[in-house]
């Protein structure tokens, strides 16, 4: 397998969010942790009719393996693919908020010299959809040979840009968390790009959380 130089640039941004007036103090996390009540999926990389997504772990160590997630530069439509997970979460102690903090994505990547892959992970709560955290990463082939290898990329959302859930009440309902993973291949002319799976790897994502008192 030939390898080439890869340049990764990671940027984090936050969509416009209403300012909060409460002074919140960061703590560890409630105990016991909440539970995932249900999960559903949508998007071109995991249509709801046949999601092809394997979920492993519980709330604290969730990972999603997207078996049908493939993007390639053969057509414009195929060059950008997304998969959005919708998680209903409950069972938390009262007086807490939680948000996605660290995100890891994995998959098999093929890039001709000069081609690149942009990936985005957006997270928001349906109860407060105006507050959205967005991670953007770019993987570029700056070498002279085709890149053809498995990749893992990790990004962290700055504390001030985390999209937090509503404050949990006595019933312990956390809310509906939406996490959207999207990739977009950038290639000119005859350049080829691909992101997805090979015999040993499947596109996947995982994330961890940060909690705070409210």
Protein backbone atom coordinates (compact mmCIF):
# COMPACT_ATOMS: atom_id res chain seq x y z
CA UNK A 1 0.00 0.00 0.00
CA UNK A 2 1.51 3.31 -1.02
CA UNK A 3 1.25 6.30 1.26
CA UNK A 4 1.47 10.03 0.68
CA UNK A 5 1.80 13.10 2.81
CA UNK A 6 -1.41 14.08 4.56
CA UNK A 7 -2.14 17.53 5.91
CA UNK A 8 -4.92 17.80 8.49
CA UNK A 9 -6.40 21.13 9.53
CA UNK A 10 -8.96 21.15 12.28
CA UNK A 11 -11.27 24.12 12.85
CA UNK A 12 -14.11 24.50 15.31
CA UNK A 13 -16.96 26.99 15.03
CA UNK A 14 -20.30 27.62 16.65
CA UNK A 15 -23.47 28.77 14.95
CA UNK A 16 -25.10 31.85 16.44
CA UNK A 17 -26.46 31.07 19.89
CA UNK A 18 -28.46 33.11 22.37
CA UNK A 19 -26.35 34.21 25.35
CA UNK A 20 -27.01 32.58 28.69
CA UNK A 21 -27.62 34.60 31.83
CA UNK A 22 -26.90 31.82 34.36
CA UNK A 23 -23.50 31.39 35.95
CA UNK A 24 -22.72 27.69 35.57
CA UNK A 25 -19.97 25.80 37.33
CA UNK A 26 -18.36 22.79 35.66
CA UNK A 27 -18.53 19.51 37.60
CA UNK A 28 -17.62 15.95 36.68
CA UNK A 29 -20.91 14.24 35.78
CA UNK A 30 -24.09 12.95 37.40
CA UNK A 31 -24.08 9.44 38.82
CA UNK A 32 -25.38 7.14 37.55
CA UNK A 33 -25.09 8.35 33.94
CA UNK A 34 -28.23 8.72 31.80
CA UNK A 35 -29.31 6.10 29.31
CA UNK A 36 -30.05 6.11 25.60
CA UNK A 37 -33.77 5.40 25.26
CA UNK A 38 -33.83 5.14 21.47
CA UNK A 39 -31.71 5.86 18.39
CA UNK A 40 -32.79 6.57 14.82
CA UNK A 41 -30.87 7.60 11.71
CA UNK A 42 -31.32 9.72 8.60
CA UNK A 43 -29.19 10.88 5.67
CA UNK A 44 -27.76 9.61 2.40
CA UNK A 45 -25.14 7.55 4.25
CA UNK A 46 -27.67 5.81 6.49
CA UNK A 47 -31.24 6.11 5.14
CA UNK A 48 -33.92 5.32 7.69
CA UNK A 49 -35.36 2.55 5.49
CA UNK A 50 -32.12 0.57 5.74
CA UNK A 51 -29.79 2.32 8.18
CA UNK A 52 -26.98 -0.21 8.13
CA UNK A 53 -25.60 1.31 11.34
CA UNK A 54 -24.17 -0.77 14.18
CA UNK A 55 -24.23 0.92 17.58
CA UNK A 56 -21.83 -0.20 20.27
CA UNK A 57 -21.46 1.00 23.83
CA UNK A 58 -23.85 2.92 26.05
CA UNK A 59 -24.23 6.64 26.71
CA UNK A 60 -20.70 7.14 28.01
CA UNK A 61 -18.85 5.25 25.27
CA UNK A 62 -21.09 5.22 22.23
CA UNK A 63 -19.70 4.43 18.78
CA UNK A 64 -21.51 4.14 15.44
CA UNK A 65 -20.26 1.96 12.59
CA UNK A 66 -21.84 3.13 9.31
CA UNK A 67 -21.74 0.11 7.01
CA UNK A 68 -23.27 1.85 3.97
CA UNK A 69 -21.38 5.15 4.29
CA UNK A 70 -19.33 5.74 1.11
CA UNK A 71 -18.37 8.92 -0.74
CA UNK A 72 -16.53 9.00 -4.06
CA UNK A 73 -15.77 11.54 -6.76
CA UNK A 74 -17.42 9.61 -9.60
CA UNK A 75 -20.39 12.03 -9.52
CA UNK A 76 -21.14 15.31 -7.74
CA UNK A 77 -24.01 13.67 -5.85
CA UNK A 78 -21.76 10.86 -4.59
CA UNK A 79 -18.97 13.19 -3.47
CA UNK A 80 -20.86 14.41 -0.38
CA UNK A 81 -22.52 11.98 2.04
CA UNK A 82 -23.98 12.40 5.52
CA UNK A 83 -25.42 10.35 8.37
CA UNK A 84 -27.35 11.92 11.23
CA UNK A 85 -28.05 10.08 14.47
CA UNK A 86 -30.97 11.11 16.69
CA UNK A 87 -30.59 9.96 20.30
CA UNK A 88 -33.34 10.23 22.91
CA UNK A 89 -31.61 10.45 26.30
CA UNK A 90 -33.14 10.21 29.77
CA UNK A 91 -32.44 9.09 33.33
CA UNK A 92 -30.17 11.90 34.53
CA UNK A 93 -30.14 13.46 37.97
CA UNK A 94 -31.74 16.92 38.10
CA UNK A 95 -29.71 20.08 37.63
CA UNK A 96 -27.31 19.08 34.86
CA UNK A 97 -26.54 19.99 31.24
CA UNK A 98 -24.47 17.92 28.80
CA UNK A 99 -22.94 18.48 25.36
CA UNK A 100 -20.67 16.73 22.85
CA UNK A 101 -17.02 17.61 23.57
CA UNK A 102 -14.62 15.30 21.67
CA UNK A 103 -15.26 13.60 18.33
CA UNK A 104 -13.31 10.86 16.51
CA UNK A 105 -13.98 9.71 12.95
CA UNK A 106 -12.46 6.72 11.19
CA UNK A 107 -12.58 5.26 7.71
CA UNK A 108 -10.64 4.27 4.61
CA UNK A 109 -9.41 7.19 2.54
CA UNK A 110 -8.15 7.32 -1.05
CA UNK A 111 -6.92 10.64 -2.42
CA UNK A 112 -5.01 11.42 -5.59
CA UNK A 113 -2.35 14.14 -5.26
CA UNK A 114 -4.04 17.50 -4.83
CA UNK A 115 -7.39 16.03 -3.74
CA UNK A 116 -8.82 16.55 -0.25
CA UNK A 117 -11.60 15.50 2.08
CA UNK A 118 -13.58 17.94 4.23
CA UNK A 119 -15.53 16.46 7.12
CA UNK A 120 -18.04 18.07 9.44
CA UNK A 121 -19.61 16.93 12.71
CA UNK A 122 -22.56 19.01 13.93
CA UNK A 123 -24.31 18.47 17.24
CA UNK A 124 -27.42 20.11 18.63
CA UNK A 125 -30.41 19.37 20.87
CA UNK A 126 -33.87 19.46 19.33
CA UNK A 127 -35.14 21.38 22.35
CA UNK A 128 -32.75 24.25 21.52
CA UNK A 129 -31.85 23.75 17.86
CA UNK A 130 -30.51 27.29 17.42
CA UNK A 131 -27.45 26.33 19.45
CA UNK A 132 -25.28 24.18 17.20
CA UNK A 133 -21.65 23.12 17.56
CA UNK A 134 -19.74 22.41 14.35
CA UNK A 135 -16.38 20.71 13.95
CA UNK A 136 -14.67 20.93 10.57
CA UNK A 137 -11.62 18.94 9.57
CA UNK A 138 -9.69 18.76 6.29
CA UNK A 139 -7.46 15.92 5.09
CA UNK A 140 -5.37 16.82 2.04
CA UNK A 141 -2.95 14.79 -0.08
CA UNK A 142 0.02 17.13 -0.52
CA UNK A 143 2.31 14.38 -1.77
CA UNK A 144 3.17 13.07 -5.23
CA UNK A 145 1.62 9.60 -4.88
CA UNK A 146 -1.92 8.38 -4.30
CA UNK A 147 -2.93 8.14 -0.66
CA UNK A 148 -4.64 4.83 0.12
CA UNK A 149 -4.93 4.06 3.83
CA UNK A 150 -7.08 3.91 6.94
CA UNK A 151 -7.33 7.22 8.80
CA UNK A 152 -8.44 8.39 12.23
CA UNK A 153 -9.12 12.07 12.95
CA UNK A 154 -9.88 13.56 16.36
CA UNK A 155 -11.21 17.03 17.18
CA UNK A 156 -12.21 18.84 20.38
CA UNK A 157 -14.89 21.50 20.72
CA UNK A 158 -13.70 24.49 22.77
CA UNK A 159 -15.53 24.82 26.10
CA UNK A 160 -17.23 28.06 25.08
CA UNK A 161 -18.63 26.54 21.89
CA UNK A 162 -20.27 23.37 23.26
CA UNK A 163 -24.00 23.05 22.51
CA UNK A 164 -25.52 22.06 25.85
CA UNK A 165 -28.78 20.26 26.53
CA UNK A 166 -31.59 21.93 28.50
CA UNK A 167 -31.19 21.80 32.26
CA UNK A 168 -32.52 18.45 33.50
CA UNK A 169 -35.52 18.52 35.80
CA UNK A 170 -36.94 16.16 38.38
CA UNK A 171 -38.02 13.65 35.72
CA UNK A 172 -34.45 13.28 34.48
CA UNK A 173 -35.18 13.85 30.78
CA UNK A 174 -32.04 15.08 29.01
CA UNK A 175 -33.45 15.62 25.51
CA UNK A 176 -33.04 14.61 21.89
CA UNK A 177 -29.42 14.85 20.75
CA UNK A 178 -28.70 15.10 17.02
CA UNK A 179 -25.21 14.35 15.69
CA UNK A 180 -24.67 14.82 11.95
CA UNK A 181 -21.51 13.49 10.26
CA UNK A 182 -20.87 14.69 6.70
CA UNK A 183 -17.95 14.37 4.30
CA UNK A 184 -17.28 16.25 1.07
CA UNK A 185 -14.55 15.24 -1.36
CA UNK A 186 -12.72 17.97 -3.28
CA UNK A 187 -11.01 16.95 -6.54
CA UNK A 188 -10.32 18.54 -9.91
CA UNK A 189 -10.50 16.94 -13.34
CA UNK A 190 -9.40 13.33 -13.28
CA UNK A 191 -8.37 13.33 -9.61
CA UNK A 192 -10.01 10.52 -7.63
CA UNK A 193 -11.15 10.57 -4.05
CA UNK A 194 -12.97 8.05 -1.83
CA UNK A 195 -13.96 7.78 1.83
CA UNK A 196 -15.73 4.80 3.37
CA UNK A 197 -14.73 1.21 3.85
CA UNK A 198 -12.36 -1.50 2.72
CA UNK A 199 -12.16 -5.18 3.72
CA UNK A 200 -10.74 -4.27 7.14
CA UNK A 201 -12.33 -0.89 7.92
CA UNK A 202 -15.78 0.69 8.04
CA UNK A 203 -16.57 4.39 8.39
CA UNK A 204 -17.33 5.11 12.04
CA UNK A 205 -17.64 7.90 14.55
CA UNK A 206 -17.59 8.19 18.32
CA UNK A 207 -17.79 11.03 20.78
CA UNK A 208 -17.51 11.92 24.44
CA UNK A 209 -19.32 14.51 26.56
CA UNK A 210 -18.79 17.37 28.96
CA UNK A 211 -21.21 18.08 31.82
CA UNK A 212 -21.96 21.18 33.83
CA UNK A 213 -24.29 22.14 36.68
CA UNK A 214 -27.25 24.40 36.03
